[in-house]
Amino acid sequence: MTHLIWSADLDTGILEIDNQHKQIMDFINRLHDARQNADRAGIVTVIDDLVEYTLSHFAFEECLMEDASYEFVRGHKKVHELFVRRVASFQQRMKQGEDISHELHALLHRWLFSHIRHDDAAYVGAVRPKMKSLTEEKQEGGWLARSLRRFFN
């Protein structure tokens, strides 16, 4: 498997979400590099960082959906919860000494593209119009600035 490459069909049109997805892609590419170098400590670090960042991304995304009154937010949250549980099981297996890096990398590779193209694309129509007003609040106390600090600092 090679590095993941961002393509235009992954754009949601919501800059903050697209940038977060690109960051997740970068973590997956770093996992690939650590695997290629047989760097177990690096693999563990990347997986831990990826999980932490992804949890923040999911929380941010869910907050956007709730604020936009997206009707299927509960279902989308469920998809996130199932994914988090699945990755947590990989982390546990890794802690027990099992080399799960190839299996996890393959899962992440497939899941990211599928999730963006299908699950995330479904909420864009509800969230994008709301984002316009939220992103206009650029000042320090605006919704976007507060939310980005809360989830990613």
N, C-alpha and C. Protein backbone atom coordinates (compact mmCIF):
# COMPACT_ATOMS: atom_id res chain seq x y z
N MET A 1 0.84 -1.17 0.00
CA MET A 1 0.00 0.00 0.00
C MET A 1 0.89 1.24 0.00
N THR A 2 0.49 2.24 -0.74
CA THR A 2 1.26 3.46 -0.82
C THR A 2 0.63 4.56 0.04
N HIS A 3 1.26 5.72 0.02
CA HIS A 3 0.71 6.86 0.74
C HIS A 3 -0.64 7.25 0.17
N LEU A 4 -1.50 7.71 1.06
CA LEU A 4 -2.79 8.25 0.65
C LEU A 4 -2.55 9.63 0.05
N ILE A 5 -3.30 9.96 -0.97
CA ILE A 5 -3.19 11.26 -1.62
C ILE A 5 -4.57 11.88 -1.68
N TRP A 6 -4.65 13.12 -1.24
CA TRP A 6 -5.91 13.86 -1.25
C TRP A 6 -6.32 14.13 -2.68
N SER A 7 -7.60 13.96 -2.96
CA SER A 7 -8.13 14.29 -4.28
C SER A 7 -9.38 15.15 -4.12
N ALA A 8 -9.71 15.88 -5.16
CA ALA A 8 -10.82 16.84 -5.10
C ALA A 8 -12.14 16.19 -4.72
N ASP A 9 -12.34 14.92 -5.05
CA ASP A 9 -13.62 14.27 -4.72
C ASP A 9 -13.78 14.03 -3.21
N LEU A 10 -12.74 14.31 -2.44
CA LEU A 10 -12.83 14.20 -0.99
C LEU A 10 -13.22 15.52 -0.33
N ASP A 11 -13.16 16.61 -1.08
CA ASP A 11 -13.51 17.92 -0.53
C ASP A 11 -14.98 17.96 -0.15
N THR A 12 -15.23 18.43 1.06
CA THR A 12 -16.62 18.61 1.51
C THR A 12 -17.09 20.03 1.23
N GLY A 13 -16.16 20.93 0.97
CA GLY A 13 -16.51 22.33 0.81
C GLY A 13 -16.55 23.06 2.13
N ILE A 14 -16.21 22.36 3.21
CA ILE A 14 -16.11 22.96 4.54
C ILE A 14 -14.63 22.91 4.91
N LEU A 15 -13.96 24.05 4.76
CA LEU A 15 -12.51 24.12 4.88
C LEU A 15 -11.98 23.48 6.16
N GLU A 16 -12.60 23.78 7.30
CA GLU A 16 -12.11 23.24 8.57
C GLU A 16 -12.18 21.72 8.59
N ILE A 17 -13.27 21.16 8.07
CA ILE A 17 -13.42 19.70 8.03
C ILE A 17 -12.41 19.10 7.04
N ASP A 18 -12.26 19.70 5.87
CA ASP A 18 -11.30 19.19 4.90
C ASP A 18 -9.89 19.21 5.47
N ASN A 19 -9.52 20.28 6.15
CA ASN A 19 -8.18 20.35 6.76
C ASN A 19 -8.00 19.26 7.82
N GLN A 20 -9.04 19.00 8.60
CA GLN A 20 -8.95 17.93 9.60
C GLN A 20 -8.82 16.57 8.93
N HIS A 21 -9.58 16.35 7.86
CA HIS A 21 -9.46 15.08 7.13
C HIS A 21 -8.05 14.91 6.56
N LYS A 22 -7.48 16.00 6.07
CA LYS A 22 -6.11 15.94 5.55
C LYS A 22 -5.12 15.59 6.66
N GLN A 23 -5.36 16.11 7.85
CA GLN A 23 -4.49 15.79 8.99
C GLN A 23 -4.60 14.31 9.34
N ILE A 24 -5.80 13.77 9.31
CA ILE A 24 -5.99 12.34 9.57
C ILE A 24 -5.26 11.53 8.50
N MET A 25 -5.34 11.97 7.26
CA MET A 25 -4.63 11.30 6.18
C MET A 25 -3.13 11.32 6.44
N ASP A 26 -2.63 12.44 6.94
CA ASP A 26 -1.21 12.54 7.26
C ASP A 26 -0.82 11.53 8.34
N PHE A 27 -1.66 11.37 9.36
CA PHE A 27 -1.38 10.37 10.39
C PHE A 27 -1.31 8.96 9.77
N ILE A 28 -2.24 8.67 8.88
CA ILE A 28 -2.25 7.35 8.24
C ILE A 28 -0.98 7.15 7.41
N ASN A 29 -0.53 8.19 6.73
CA ASN A 29 0.72 8.11 5.97
C ASN A 29 1.92 7.95 6.89
N ARG A 30 1.89 8.61 8.06
CA ARG A 30 2.96 8.42 9.04
C ARG A 30 2.97 6.99 9.57
N LEU A 31 1.80 6.40 9.74
CA LEU A 31 1.72 5.00 10.16
C LEU A 31 2.36 4.11 9.10
N HIS A 32 2.08 4.40 7.85
CA HIS A 32 2.70 3.65 6.74
C HIS A 32 4.22 3.73 6.83
N ASP A 33 4.74 4.95 7.04
CA ASP A 33 6.20 5.13 7.12
C ASP A 33 6.79 4.38 8.30
N ALA A 34 6.13 4.45 9.45
CA ALA A 34 6.63 3.74 10.63
C ALA A 34 6.63 2.23 10.39
N ARG A 35 5.61 1.74 9.70
CA ARG A 35 5.56 0.31 9.37
C ARG A 35 6.70 -0.06 8.43
N GLN A 36 6.95 0.77 7.44
CA GLN A 36 8.02 0.49 6.47
C GLN A 36 9.38 0.44 7.15
N ASN A 37 9.53 1.24 8.20
CA ASN A 37 10.80 1.29 8.93
C ASN A 37 10.85 0.32 10.11
N ALA A 38 9.80 -0.49 10.25
CA ALA A 38 9.70 -1.44 11.37
C ALA A 38 9.96 -0.75 12.71
N ASP A 39 9.40 0.43 12.85
CA ASP A 39 9.58 1.26 14.03
C ASP A 39 8.38 1.08 14.97
N ARG A 40 8.48 0.07 15.84
CA ARG A 40 7.35 -0.24 16.73
C ARG A 40 6.98 0.95 17.62
N ALA A 41 7.96 1.62 18.18
CA ALA A 41 7.67 2.78 19.04
C ALA A 41 6.99 3.87 18.22
N GLY A 42 7.45 4.07 17.00
CA GLY A 42 6.83 5.06 16.12
C GLY A 42 5.41 4.68 15.76
N ILE A 43 5.16 3.40 15.55
CA ILE A 43 3.81 2.92 15.25
C ILE A 43 2.88 3.21 16.42
N VAL A 44 3.33 2.90 17.63
CA VAL A 44 2.51 3.13 18.82
C VAL A 44 2.21 4.62 18.96
N THR A 45 3.22 5.45 18.78
CA THR A 45 3.03 6.91 18.90
C THR A 45 2.04 7.42 17.87
N VAL A 46 2.20 7.00 16.63
CA VAL A 46 1.30 7.47 15.56
C VAL A 46 -0.13 7.01 15.84
N ILE A 47 -0.30 5.77 16.26
CA ILE A 47 -1.65 5.28 16.55
C ILE A 47 -2.27 6.08 17.69
N ASP A 48 -1.52 6.31 18.74
CA ASP A 48 -2.05 7.10 19.87
C ASP A 48 -2.42 8.52 19.42
N ASP A 49 -1.54 9.16 18.65
CA ASP A 49 -1.81 10.51 18.16
C ASP A 49 -3.02 10.53 17.22
N LEU A 50 -3.09 9.53 16.36
CA LEU A 50 -4.21 9.42 15.42
C LEU A 50 -5.53 9.28 16.15
N VAL A 51 -5.56 8.43 17.16
CA VAL A 51 -6.79 8.21 17.92
C VAL A 51 -7.20 9.50 18.63
N GLU A 52 -6.25 10.16 19.27
CA GLU A 52 -6.56 11.41 19.99
C GLU A 52 -7.10 12.47 19.03
N TYR A 53 -6.44 12.63 17.89
CA TYR A 53 -6.88 13.65 16.93
C TYR A 53 -8.24 13.29 16.35
N THR A 54 -8.44 12.04 16.02
CA THR A 54 -9.70 11.61 15.42
C THR A 54 -10.86 11.81 16.39
N LEU A 55 -10.65 11.55 17.67
CA LEU A 55 -11.71 11.80 18.66
C LEU A 55 -12.09 13.28 18.68
N SER A 56 -11.09 14.16 18.62
CA SER A 56 -11.36 15.60 18.57
C SER A 56 -12.10 15.96 17.29
N HIS A 57 -11.67 15.38 16.18
CA HIS A 57 -12.33 15.64 14.90
C HIS A 57 -13.80 15.20 14.94
N PHE A 58 -14.04 14.01 15.46
CA PHE A 58 -15.41 13.52 15.54
C PHE A 58 -16.27 14.44 16.40
N ALA A 59 -15.73 14.87 17.54
CA ALA A 59 -16.49 15.76 18.42
C ALA A 59 -16.80 17.08 17.72
N PHE A 60 -15.84 17.63 17.01
CA PHE A 60 -16.03 18.88 16.27
C PHE A 60 -17.09 18.70 15.20
N GLU A 61 -16.97 17.64 14.44
CA GLU A 61 -17.92 17.34 13.36
C GLU A 61 -19.34 17.16 13.92
N GLU A 62 -19.45 16.44 15.02
CA GLU A 62 -20.76 16.21 15.64
C GLU A 62 -21.37 17.51 16.16
N CYS A 63 -20.54 18.38 16.69
CA CYS A 63 -21.00 19.69 17.15
C CYS A 63 -21.55 20.49 15.98
N LEU A 64 -20.86 20.47 14.86
CA LEU A 64 -21.35 21.16 13.66
C LEU A 64 -22.70 20.62 13.23
N MET A 65 -22.81 19.30 13.21
CA MET A 65 -24.07 18.67 12.79
C MET A 65 -25.21 19.05 13.73
N GLU A 66 -24.94 19.03 15.01
CA GLU A 66 -25.97 19.40 16.00
C GLU A 66 -26.39 20.85 15.81
N ASP A 67 -25.41 21.76 15.67
CA ASP A 67 -25.72 23.17 15.50
C ASP A 67 -26.48 23.44 14.20
N ALA A 68 -26.27 22.61 13.20
CA ALA A 68 -26.97 22.76 11.92
C ALA A 68 -28.29 21.99 11.92
N SER A 69 -28.62 21.34 13.02
CA SER A 69 -29.85 20.54 13.14
C SER A 69 -29.93 19.45 12.07
N TYR A 70 -28.79 18.82 11.83
CA TYR A 70 -28.75 17.71 10.86
C TYR A 70 -29.58 16.56 11.40
N GLU A 71 -30.54 16.12 10.61
CA GLU A 71 -31.52 15.14 11.11
C GLU A 71 -30.94 13.76 11.41
N PHE A 72 -29.82 13.42 10.82
CA PHE A 72 -29.25 12.09 11.03
C PHE A 72 -28.00 12.13 11.91
N VAL A 73 -27.90 13.14 12.76
CA VAL A 73 -26.72 13.28 13.61
C VAL A 73 -26.54 12.06 14.53
N ARG A 74 -27.62 11.52 15.04
CA ARG A 74 -27.49 10.35 15.94
C ARG A 74 -26.89 9.16 15.21
N GLY A 75 -27.31 8.93 13.99
CA GLY A 75 -26.75 7.83 13.20
C GLY A 75 -25.28 8.05 12.89
N HIS A 76 -24.94 9.29 12.59
CA HIS A 76 -23.54 9.61 12.28
C HIS A 76 -22.67 9.41 13.53
N LYS A 77 -23.19 9.82 14.68
CA LYS A 77 -22.46 9.61 15.93
C LYS A 77 -22.24 8.12 16.17
N LYS A 78 -23.22 7.32 15.85
CA LYS A 78 -23.12 5.86 16.03
C LYS A 78 -21.99 5.30 15.16
N VAL A 79 -21.91 5.78 13.92
CA VAL A 79 -20.82 5.36 13.02
C VAL A 79 -19.47 5.70 13.66
N HIS A 80 -19.38 6.91 14.20
CA HIS A 80 -18.14 7.33 14.87
C HIS A 80 -17.83 6.43 16.06
N GLU A 81 -18.84 6.15 16.89
CA GLU A 81 -18.65 5.31 18.07
C GLU A 81 -18.16 3.92 17.70
N LEU A 82 -18.74 3.33 16.67
CA LEU A 82 -18.33 2.00 16.23
C LEU A 82 -16.89 2.00 15.75
N PHE A 83 -16.53 3.04 15.02
CA PHE A 83 -15.15 3.15 14.53
C PHE A 83 -14.18 3.29 15.69
N VAL A 84 -14.52 4.13 16.67
CA VAL A 84 -13.65 4.34 17.84
C VAL A 84 -13.46 3.02 18.59
N ARG A 85 -14.53 2.28 18.77
CA ARG A 85 -14.42 0.97 19.46
C ARG A 85 -13.53 0.01 18.69
N ARG A 86 -13.68 0.03 17.38
CA ARG A 86 -12.87 -0.88 16.56
C ARG A 86 -11.39 -0.54 16.66
N VAL A 87 -11.07 0.75 16.58
CA VAL A 87 -9.67 1.17 16.67
C VAL A 87 -9.14 0.93 18.08
N ALA A 88 -9.97 1.11 19.10
CA ALA A 88 -9.55 0.84 20.48
C ALA A 88 -9.18 -0.63 20.64
N SER A 89 -9.89 -1.51 19.96
CA SER A 89 -9.54 -2.94 20.05
C SER A 89 -8.18 -3.19 19.40
N PHE A 90 -7.86 -2.46 18.33
CA PHE A 90 -6.53 -2.57 17.73
C PHE A 90 -5.46 -2.07 18.70
N GLN A 91 -5.74 -0.95 19.37
CA GLN A 91 -4.78 -0.43 20.36
C GLN A 91 -4.52 -1.46 21.45
N GLN A 92 -5.57 -2.09 21.92
CA GLN A 92 -5.44 -3.09 22.98
C GLN A 92 -4.59 -4.27 22.50
N ARG A 93 -4.86 -4.73 21.30
CA ARG A 93 -4.08 -5.83 20.74
C ARG A 93 -2.61 -5.44 20.61
N MET A 94 -2.37 -4.19 20.21
CA MET A 94 -0.99 -3.70 20.07
C MET A 94 -0.29 -3.70 21.43
N LYS A 95 -1.00 -3.25 22.46
CA LYS A 95 -0.43 -3.22 23.81
C LYS A 95 -0.10 -4.62 24.31
N GLN A 96 -0.82 -5.62 23.81
CA GLN A 96 -0.56 -7.00 24.21
C GLN A 96 0.55 -7.64 23.38
N GLY A 97 1.18 -6.83 22.51
CA GLY A 97 2.33 -7.31 21.76
C GLY A 97 2.05 -7.77 20.35
N GLU A 98 0.81 -7.75 19.94
CA GLU A 98 0.46 -8.20 18.60
C GLU A 98 0.80 -7.11 17.58
N ASP A 99 1.32 -7.51 16.43
CA ASP A 99 1.60 -6.55 15.37
C ASP A 99 0.34 -6.39 14.52
N ILE A 100 -0.38 -5.33 14.80
CA ILE A 100 -1.65 -5.06 14.11
C ILE A 100 -1.49 -3.95 13.07
N SER A 101 -0.27 -3.48 12.88
CA SER A 101 -0.04 -2.28 12.07
C SER A 101 -0.53 -2.43 10.64
N HIS A 102 -0.29 -3.58 10.02
CA HIS A 102 -0.74 -3.77 8.64
C HIS A 102 -2.27 -3.81 8.57
N GLU A 103 -2.87 -4.56 9.46
CA GLU A 103 -4.33 -4.69 9.49
C GLU A 103 -5.00 -3.34 9.77
N LEU A 104 -4.45 -2.61 10.73
CA LEU A 104 -5.01 -1.30 11.07
C LEU A 104 -4.82 -0.31 9.93
N HIS A 105 -3.64 -0.31 9.33
CA HIS A 105 -3.39 0.60 8.21
C HIS A 105 -4.37 0.33 7.07
N ALA A 106 -4.60 -0.93 6.75
CA ALA A 106 -5.55 -1.28 5.68
C ALA A 106 -6.96 -0.80 6.03
N LEU A 107 -7.37 -0.99 7.28
CA LEU A 107 -8.69 -0.53 7.72
C LEU A 107 -8.80 0.98 7.58
N LEU A 108 -7.81 1.71 8.10
CA LEU A 108 -7.85 3.17 8.06
C LEU A 108 -7.87 3.68 6.62
N HIS A 109 -7.08 3.05 5.78
CA HIS A 109 -6.99 3.42 4.36
C HIS A 109 -8.37 3.33 3.72
N ARG A 110 -9.05 2.23 3.90
CA ARG A 110 -10.39 2.03 3.32
C ARG A 110 -11.42 2.93 3.98
N TRP A 111 -11.39 2.96 5.30
CA TRP A 111 -12.42 3.65 6.06
C TRP A 111 -12.44 5.15 5.80
N LEU A 112 -11.29 5.79 5.77
CA LEU A 112 -11.25 7.24 5.61
C LEU A 112 -11.94 7.67 4.33
N PHE A 113 -11.56 7.08 3.21
CA PHE A 113 -12.16 7.47 1.94
C PHE A 113 -13.65 7.17 1.91
N SER A 114 -14.02 6.01 2.38
CA SER A 114 -15.43 5.63 2.38
C SER A 114 -16.24 6.55 3.28
N HIS A 115 -15.73 6.84 4.46
CA HIS A 115 -16.44 7.68 5.42
C HIS A 115 -16.64 9.10 4.87
N ILE A 116 -15.59 9.67 4.28
CA ILE A 116 -15.70 11.03 3.72
C ILE A 116 -16.68 11.05 2.55
N ARG A 117 -16.54 10.11 1.64
CA ARG A 117 -17.35 10.12 0.42
C ARG A 117 -18.82 9.80 0.66
N HIS A 118 -19.11 9.05 1.71
CA HIS A 118 -20.49 8.63 1.93
C HIS A 118 -21.10 9.28 3.18
N ASP A 119 -20.57 8.93 4.34
CA ASP A 119 -21.15 9.42 5.60
C ASP A 119 -21.03 10.94 5.74
N ASP A 120 -19.82 11.46 5.52
CA ASP A 120 -19.63 12.90 5.67
C ASP A 120 -20.32 13.68 4.55
N ALA A 121 -20.29 13.17 3.35
CA ALA A 121 -20.96 13.86 2.23
C ALA A 121 -22.44 14.04 2.51
N ALA A 122 -23.02 13.14 3.29
CA ALA A 122 -24.45 13.19 3.57
C ALA A 122 -24.83 14.40 4.43
N TYR A 123 -23.95 14.87 5.30
CA TYR A 123 -24.30 15.99 6.17
C TYR A 123 -23.93 17.35 5.60
N VAL A 124 -23.15 17.38 4.54
CA VAL A 124 -22.63 18.64 4.01
C VAL A 124 -23.74 19.63 3.65
N GLY A 125 -24.82 19.15 3.04
CA GLY A 125 -25.90 20.04 2.65
C GLY A 125 -26.55 20.75 3.83
N ALA A 126 -26.57 20.11 4.97
CA ALA A 126 -27.15 20.72 6.17
C ALA A 126 -26.16 21.62 6.88
N VAL A 127 -24.89 21.24 6.88
CA VAL A 127 -23.89 21.96 7.66
C VAL A 127 -23.28 23.14 6.89
N ARG A 128 -23.04 23.00 5.61
CA ARG A 128 -22.34 24.05 4.87
C ARG A 128 -23.03 25.42 4.96
N PRO A 129 -24.36 25.51 4.81
CA PRO A 129 -24.99 26.83 4.94
C PRO A 129 -24.79 27.42 6.35
N LYS A 130 -24.80 26.58 7.36
CA LYS A 130 -24.60 27.03 8.73
C LYS A 130 -23.15 27.50 8.94
N MET A 131 -22.22 26.83 8.28
CA MET A 131 -20.80 27.18 8.42
C MET A 131 -20.53 28.60 7.96
N LYS A 132 -21.24 29.07 6.96
CA LYS A 132 -21.01 30.44 6.47
C LYS A 132 -21.17 31.44 7.61
N SER A 133 -22.24 31.33 8.36
CA SER A 133 -22.43 32.28 9.46
C SER A 133 -21.43 32.02 10.59
N LEU A 134 -21.09 30.77 10.83
CA LEU A 134 -20.15 30.46 11.91
C LEU A 134 -18.74 30.93 11.58
N THR A 135 -18.31 30.77 10.32
CA THR A 135 -16.96 31.17 9.95
C THR A 135 -16.82 32.68 9.86
N GLU A 136 -17.92 33.39 9.75
CA GLU A 136 -17.86 34.85 9.76
C GLU A 136 -17.52 35.36 11.15
N GLU A 137 -17.66 34.53 12.15
CA GLU A 137 -17.30 34.90 13.53
C GLU A 137 -15.81 34.64 13.74
N LYS A 138 -14.98 35.39 13.05
CA LYS A 138 -13.53 35.17 13.11
C LYS A 138 -12.90 35.72 14.38
N GLN A 139 -13.58 36.64 15.05
CA GLN A 139 -12.98 37.25 16.24
C GLN A 139 -12.70 36.18 17.29
N GLU A 140 -11.87 36.56 18.24
CA GLU A 140 -11.41 35.64 19.28
C GLU A 140 -12.54 34.89 19.97
N GLY A 141 -13.67 35.54 20.20
CA GLY A 141 -14.77 34.92 20.93
C GLY A 141 -15.79 34.25 20.04
N GLY A 142 -15.56 34.21 18.72
CA GLY A 142 -16.52 33.61 17.79
C GLY A 142 -16.64 32.11 17.95
N TRP A 143 -17.74 31.55 17.46
CA TRP A 143 -18.00 30.12 17.59
C TRP A 143 -16.87 29.28 17.03
N LEU A 144 -16.44 29.58 15.83
CA LEU A 144 -15.42 28.77 15.19
C LEU A 144 -14.11 28.81 15.97
N ALA A 145 -13.68 30.01 16.36
CA ALA A 145 -12.44 30.13 17.12
C ALA A 145 -12.53 29.37 18.44
N ARG A 146 -13.65 29.52 19.14
CA ARG A 146 -13.83 28.81 20.42
C ARG A 146 -13.82 27.30 20.21
N SER A 147 -14.53 26.84 19.20
CA SER A 147 -14.64 25.40 18.97
C SER A 147 -13.32 24.79 18.56
N LEU A 148 -12.60 25.46 17.67
CA LEU A 148 -11.31 24.92 17.26
C LEU A 148 -10.36 24.84 18.45
N ARG A 149 -10.34 25.86 19.31
CA ARG A 149 -9.50 25.81 20.51
C ARG A 149 -9.93 24.68 21.42
N ARG A 150 -11.23 24.53 21.61
CA ARG A 150 -11.75 23.52 22.53
C ARG A 150 -11.39 22.11 22.07
N PHE A 151 -11.50 21.85 20.78
CA PHE A 151 -11.30 20.49 20.30
C PHE A 151 -9.88 20.16 19.91
N PHE A 152 -9.08 21.18 19.54
CA PHE A 152 -7.77 20.88 18.96
C PHE A 152 -6.59 21.50 19.69
N ASN A 153 -6.80 22.06 20.87
CA ASN A 153 -5.68 22.57 21.66
C ASN A 153 -5.47 21.74 22.90
